[in-house]
C-alpha atoms as a PDB file:
ATOM      1  CA  MET A   1       7.213 -19.968 -26.091  1.00  0.00           C
ATOM      2  CA  ASP A   2       5.199 -18.878 -23.180  1.00  0.00           C
ATOM      3  CA  ASP A   3       1.929 -21.218 -22.650  1.00  0.00           C
ATOM      4  CA  ASP A   4       0.661 -18.852 -19.778  1.00  0.00           C
ATOM      5  CA  PRO A   5      -2.963 -17.790 -20.742  1.00  0.00           C
ATOM      6  CA  ILE A   6      -2.419 -14.483 -18.578  1.00  0.00           C
ATOM      7  CA  PRO A   7      -0.746 -11.921 -20.505  1.00  0.00           C
ATOM      8  CA  VAL A   8       2.676 -10.521 -19.250  1.00  0.00           C
ATOM      9  CA  SER A   9       1.064  -7.147 -18.489  1.00  0.00           C
ATOM     10  CA  ALA A  10      -1.330  -8.944 -15.917  1.00  0.00           C
ATOM     11  CA  ARG A  11       1.366 -10.800 -14.291  1.00  0.00           C
ATOM     12  CA  PRO A  12       2.448  -9.676 -10.718  1.00  0.00           C
ATOM     13  CA  SER A  13       5.550  -7.558 -10.637  1.00  0.00           C
ATOM     14  CA  LEU A  14       8.347  -7.966  -7.953  1.00  0.00           C
ATOM     15  CA  ARG A  15       7.430  -4.187  -7.162  1.00  0.00           C
ATOM     16  CA  GLY A  16       3.900  -4.942  -5.979  1.00  0.00           C
ATOM     17  CA  ARG A  17       5.247  -7.705  -4.058  1.00  0.00           C
ATOM     18  CA  LEU A  18       7.982  -5.900  -2.188  1.00  0.00           C
ATOM     19  CA  ALA A  19       5.394  -3.026  -1.735  1.00  0.00           C
ATOM     20  CA  LEU A  20       3.061  -5.305   0.209  1.00  0.00           C
ATOM     21  CA  LEU A  21       5.688  -6.912   2.205  1.00  0.00           C
ATOM     22  CA  GLY A  22       6.938  -3.404   3.159  1.00  0.00           C
ATOM     23  CA  CYS A  23       3.367  -2.658   4.113  1.00  0.00           C
ATOM     24  CA  ALA A  24       3.646  -5.681   6.263  1.00  0.00           C
ATOM     25  CA  VAL A  25       6.912  -4.634   7.840  1.00  0.00           C
ATOM     26  CA  ALA A  26       5.426  -1.320   8.759  1.00  0.00           C
ATOM     27  CA  SER A  27       2.323  -2.626  10.233  1.00  0.00           C
ATOM     28  CA  LEU A  28       4.003  -5.052  12.273  1.00  0.00           C
ATOM     29  CA  ALA A  29       6.391  -2.281  13.649  1.00  0.00           C
ATOM     30  CA  ALA A  30       3.723   0.161  14.228  1.00  0.00           C
ATOM     31  CA  SER A  31       1.726  -2.944  16.114  1.00  0.00           C
ATOM     32  CA  ALA A  32       4.683  -3.443  18.068  1.00  0.00           C
ATOM     33  CA  LEU A  33       4.877   0.310  18.991  1.00  0.00           C
ATOM     34  CA  VAL A  34       1.494   0.356  19.939  1.00  0.00           C
ATOM     35  CA  GLY A  35       1.328  -2.840  21.582  1.00  0.00           C
ATOM     36  CA  ILE A  36      -1.319  -5.720  20.932  1.00  0.00           C
ATOM     37  CA  SER A  37      -2.132  -6.703  24.529  1.00  0.00           C
ATOM     38  CA  ASP A  38      -5.691  -5.751  25.109  1.00  0.00           C
ATOM     39  CA  ASN A  39      -5.260  -2.991  22.502  1.00  0.00           C
ATOM     40  CA  PRO A  40      -7.593  -3.035  19.596  1.00  0.00           C
ATOM     41  CA  LEU A  41      -5.551  -0.770  17.180  1.00  0.00           C
ATOM     42  CA  GLY A  42      -2.284  -2.848  17.986  1.00  0.00           C
ATOM     43  CA  LEU A  43      -4.405  -6.141  16.866  1.00  0.00           C
ATOM     44  CA  LEU A  44      -5.801  -4.543  13.751  1.00  0.00           C
ATOM     45  CA  LEU A  45      -2.393  -3.511  12.773  1.00  0.00           C
ATOM     46  CA  ALA A  46      -0.826  -7.043  13.349  1.00  0.00           C
ATOM     47  CA  PHE A  47      -3.777  -8.429  11.453  1.00  0.00           C
ATOM     48  CA  LEU A  48      -3.153  -5.982   8.642  1.00  0.00           C
ATOM     49  CA  ALA A  49       0.732  -7.137   8.577  1.00  0.00           C
ATOM     50  CA  SER A  50      -0.301 -10.784   8.221  1.00  0.00           C
ATOM     51  CA  LEU A  51      -2.990  -9.861   5.374  1.00  0.00           C
ATOM     52  CA  CYS A  52      -0.269  -8.037   3.531  1.00  0.00           C
ATOM     53  CA  VAL A  53       2.119 -11.030   3.983  1.00  0.00           C
ATOM     54  CA  VAL A  54      -0.539 -13.418   2.508  1.00  0.00           C
ATOM     55  CA  LEU A  55      -1.621 -11.092  -0.355  1.00  0.00           C
ATOM     56  CA  ALA A  56       2.135 -10.755  -1.485  1.00  0.00           C
ATOM     57  CA  LEU A  57       2.257 -14.623  -1.609  1.00  0.00           C
ATOM     58  CA  THR A  58      -1.094 -14.898  -3.518  1.00  0.00           C
ATOM     59  CA  LEU A  59      -0.407 -11.934  -5.841  1.00  0.00           C
ATOM     60  CA  GLY A  60      -1.059 -13.266  -9.371  1.00  0.00           C
ATOM     61  CA  TRP A  61      -3.374 -15.998  -8.494  1.00  0.00           C
ATOM     62  CA  HIS A  62      -5.948 -15.947 -11.403  1.00  0.00           C
ATOM     63  CA  HIS A  63      -7.688 -19.094 -10.785  1.00  0.00           C
ATOM     64  CA  PRO A  64     -10.490 -19.581  -8.138  1.00  0.00           C
ATOM     65  CA  ARG A  65      -9.482 -23.266  -7.495  1.00  0.00           C
ATOM     66  CA  ARG A  66      -6.056 -21.828  -5.754  1.00  0.00           C
ATOM     67  CA  HIS A  67      -8.045 -19.449  -3.626  1.00  0.00           C
ATOM     68  CA  PHE A  68     -10.362 -21.785  -2.228  1.00  0.00           C
ATOM     69  CA  ARG A  69      -7.736 -24.335  -1.430  1.00  0.00           C
ATOM     70  CA  LEU A  70      -6.212 -21.501   0.504  1.00  0.00           C
ATOM     71  CA  PHE A  71      -9.420 -21.162   2.307  1.00  0.00           C
ATOM     72  CA  LEU A  72      -9.671 -24.609   2.923  1.00  0.00           C
ATOM     73  CA  GLY A  73      -5.969 -25.075   3.938  1.00  0.00           C
ATOM     74  CA  SER A  74      -6.338 -22.058   6.347  1.00  0.00           C
ATOM     75  CA  PHE A  75      -9.369 -23.554   8.088  1.00  0.00           C
ATOM     76  CA  LEU A  76      -7.427 -26.765   8.706  1.00  0.00           C
ATOM     77  CA  ALA A  77      -4.491 -24.944   9.579  1.00  0.00           C
ATOM     78  CA  PHE A  78      -6.513 -23.002  12.305  1.00  0.00           C
ATOM     79  CA  VAL A  79      -8.025 -26.207  13.721  1.00  0.00           C
ATOM     80  CA  ALA A  80      -4.553 -27.820  13.841  1.00  0.00           C
ATOM     81  CA  ALA A  81      -2.606 -24.620  15.419  1.00  0.00           C
ATOM     82  CA  ALA A  82      -5.288 -24.294  18.093  1.00  0.00           C
ATOM     83  CA  LEU A  83      -5.111 -27.976  18.971  1.00  0.00           C
ATOM     84  CA  PHE A  84      -1.307 -27.896  19.201  1.00  0.00           C
ATOM     85  CA  HIS A  85      -1.451 -24.642  21.178  1.00  0.00           C
ATOM     86  CA  ASN A  86      -3.847 -26.405  23.702  1.00  0.00           C
ATOM     87  CA  LEU A  87      -1.740 -29.449  23.829  1.00  0.00           C
ATOM     88  CA  LEU A  88       1.493 -27.573  24.454  1.00  0.00           C
ATOM     89  CA  GLU A  89       0.264 -25.342  27.156  1.00  0.00           C
ATOM     90  CA  GLY A  90      -1.071 -28.552  28.791  1.00  0.00           C
ATOM     91  CA  ALA A  91       2.138 -30.375  28.515  1.00  0.00           C
ATOM     92  CA  ALA A  92       4.363 -27.392  29.735  1.00  0.00           C
ATOM     93  CA  ALA A  93       2.125 -27.417  32.869  1.00  0.00           C
ATOM     94  CA  VAL A  94       3.322 -30.833  33.748  1.00  0.00           C
ATOM     95  CA  ILE A  95       6.888 -30.862  32.341  1.00  0.00           C
ATOM     96  CA  ALA A  96       9.520 -30.506  35.201  1.00  0.00           C
ATOM     97  CA  ALA A  97      12.476 -29.704  33.018  1.00  0.00           C
ATOM     98  CA  PRO A  98      12.636 -25.823  32.754  1.00  0.00           C
ATOM     99  CA  ALA A  99      14.502 -26.072  29.346  1.00  0.00           C
ATOM    100  CA  LEU A 100      11.783 -28.306  28.017  1.00  0.00           C
ATOM    101  CA  ARG A 101       8.781 -26.266  29.633  1.00  0.00           C
ATOM    102  CA  ALA A 102      10.215 -23.118  28.073  1.00  0.00           C
ATOM    103  CA  GLY A 103      10.506 -24.923  24.531  1.00  0.00           C
ATOM    104  CA  ALA A 104       6.844 -26.172  24.922  1.00  0.00           C
ATOM    105  CA  GLU A 105       5.506 -22.571  25.852  1.00  0.00           C
ATOM    106  CA  ALA A 106       7.325 -21.017  23.065  1.00  0.00           C
ATOM    107  CA  LEU A 107       5.888 -23.341  20.571  1.00  0.00           C
ATOM    108  CA  GLY A 108       2.426 -23.028  22.038  1.00  0.00           C
ATOM    109  CA  VAL A 109       2.606 -19.332  21.556  1.00  0.00           C
ATOM    110  CA  ALA A 110       3.863 -19.573  17.999  1.00  0.00           C
ATOM    111  CA  PHE A 111       0.977 -21.876  17.510  1.00  0.00           C
ATOM    112  CA  PHE A 112      -1.439 -19.350  19.125  1.00  0.00           C
ATOM    113  CA  LEU A 113       0.036 -16.334  17.090  1.00  0.00           C
ATOM    114  CA  ALA A 114      -0.527 -18.438  13.870  1.00  0.00           C
ATOM    115  CA  ALA A 115      -4.137 -19.241  14.853  1.00  0.00           C
ATOM    116  CA  ILE A 116      -5.051 -15.572  15.558  1.00  0.00           C
ATOM    117  CA  PHE A 117      -3.198 -13.888  12.926  1.00  0.00           C
ATOM    118  CA  LEU A 118      -2.158 -15.889   9.949  1.00  0.00           C
ATOM    119  CA  CYS A 119      -4.768 -18.409   9.452  1.00  0.00           C
ATOM    120  CA  PRO A 120      -7.587 -15.827   9.612  1.00  0.00           C
ATOM    121  CA  ALA A 121      -5.788 -13.643   6.848  1.00  0.00           C
ATOM    122  CA  GLY A 122      -5.799 -16.848   4.775  1.00  0.00           C
ATOM    123  CA  LEU A 123      -9.251 -17.298   5.238  1.00  0.00           C
ATOM    124  CA  VAL A 124     -10.114 -13.771   4.212  1.00  0.00           C
ATOM    125  CA  VAL A 125      -7.732 -13.703   1.120  1.00  0.00           C
ATOM    126  CA  GLY A 126      -8.931 -17.237   0.150  1.00  0.00           C
ATOM    127  CA  ALA A 127     -12.688 -16.230   0.473  1.00  0.00           C
ATOM    128  CA  ILE A 128     -12.583 -12.885  -1.335  1.00  0.00           C
ATOM    129  CA  GLY A 129     -10.123 -14.003  -3.830  1.00  0.00           C
ATOM    130  CA  GLY A 130     -11.788 -17.179  -4.598  1.00  0.00           C
ATOM    131  CA  LEU A 131     -15.193 -15.242  -5.293  1.00  0.00           C
ATOM    132  CA  ALA A 132     -13.829 -12.397  -7.137  1.00  0.00           C
ATOM    133  CA  THR A 133     -11.636 -14.677  -9.403  1.00  0.00           C
ATOM    134  CA  LEU A 134     -14.692 -16.798 -10.025  1.00  0.00           C
ATOM    135  CA  VAL A 135     -17.126 -13.778 -10.613  1.00  0.00           C
ATOM    136  CA  ARG A 136     -14.611 -12.462 -12.969  1.00  0.00           C
ATOM    137  CA  GLN A 137     -14.327 -15.767 -15.009  1.00  0.00           C
ATOM    138  CA  ARG A 138     -17.857 -15.957 -15.356  1.00  0.00           C
ATOM    139  CA  LEU A 139     -18.349 -12.479 -16.782  1.00  0.00           C
ATOM    140  CA  ARG A 140     -15.487 -13.038 -19.255  1.00  0.00           C
ATOM    141  CA  PRO A 141     -16.998 -13.552 -22.734  1.00  0.00           C
END
C-alpha cells in the first residue's frame, strides 16, 4: 500500500531526470567550448548546467519546507565555500612543498567553483520552488 499523498502520475520520472542531466551535460560542454574566462555566454551556460543538475535532484519535491531548507543550505554552503577558498588560497601562498601547494590550490579552485555555480543554483531553485509550492498548497482547496 502506498501512503504517499502524491499520485503516481505526478511523481517524477526517470526520463525527466535524465533529460535534465542531458541538458546539464550539453550546457557544460558548450560552456567548455565557448570558455568561461571573461565570457558572459560561457558563464551563463555553466550556470545553466548547474541549474539543470540541481533541478534534476529536486524534481518531485512537493513540500515548501524542502525547498526552503535547500535555500538555507545553499546560503550556508556559499559562505563556507567562500571561506574555505580564501583559506586555501592563503595557505597555498605560504606552503613550500610543491605537491601540497598544488593540492591546496586545486581544493581552492573546487571551492571557488562551488561558490559561484552550485550554491547560486541551489538558492534559485530553493527560493522559486519554495514559493511556488507554498502558493500551490495555499490555492488547493
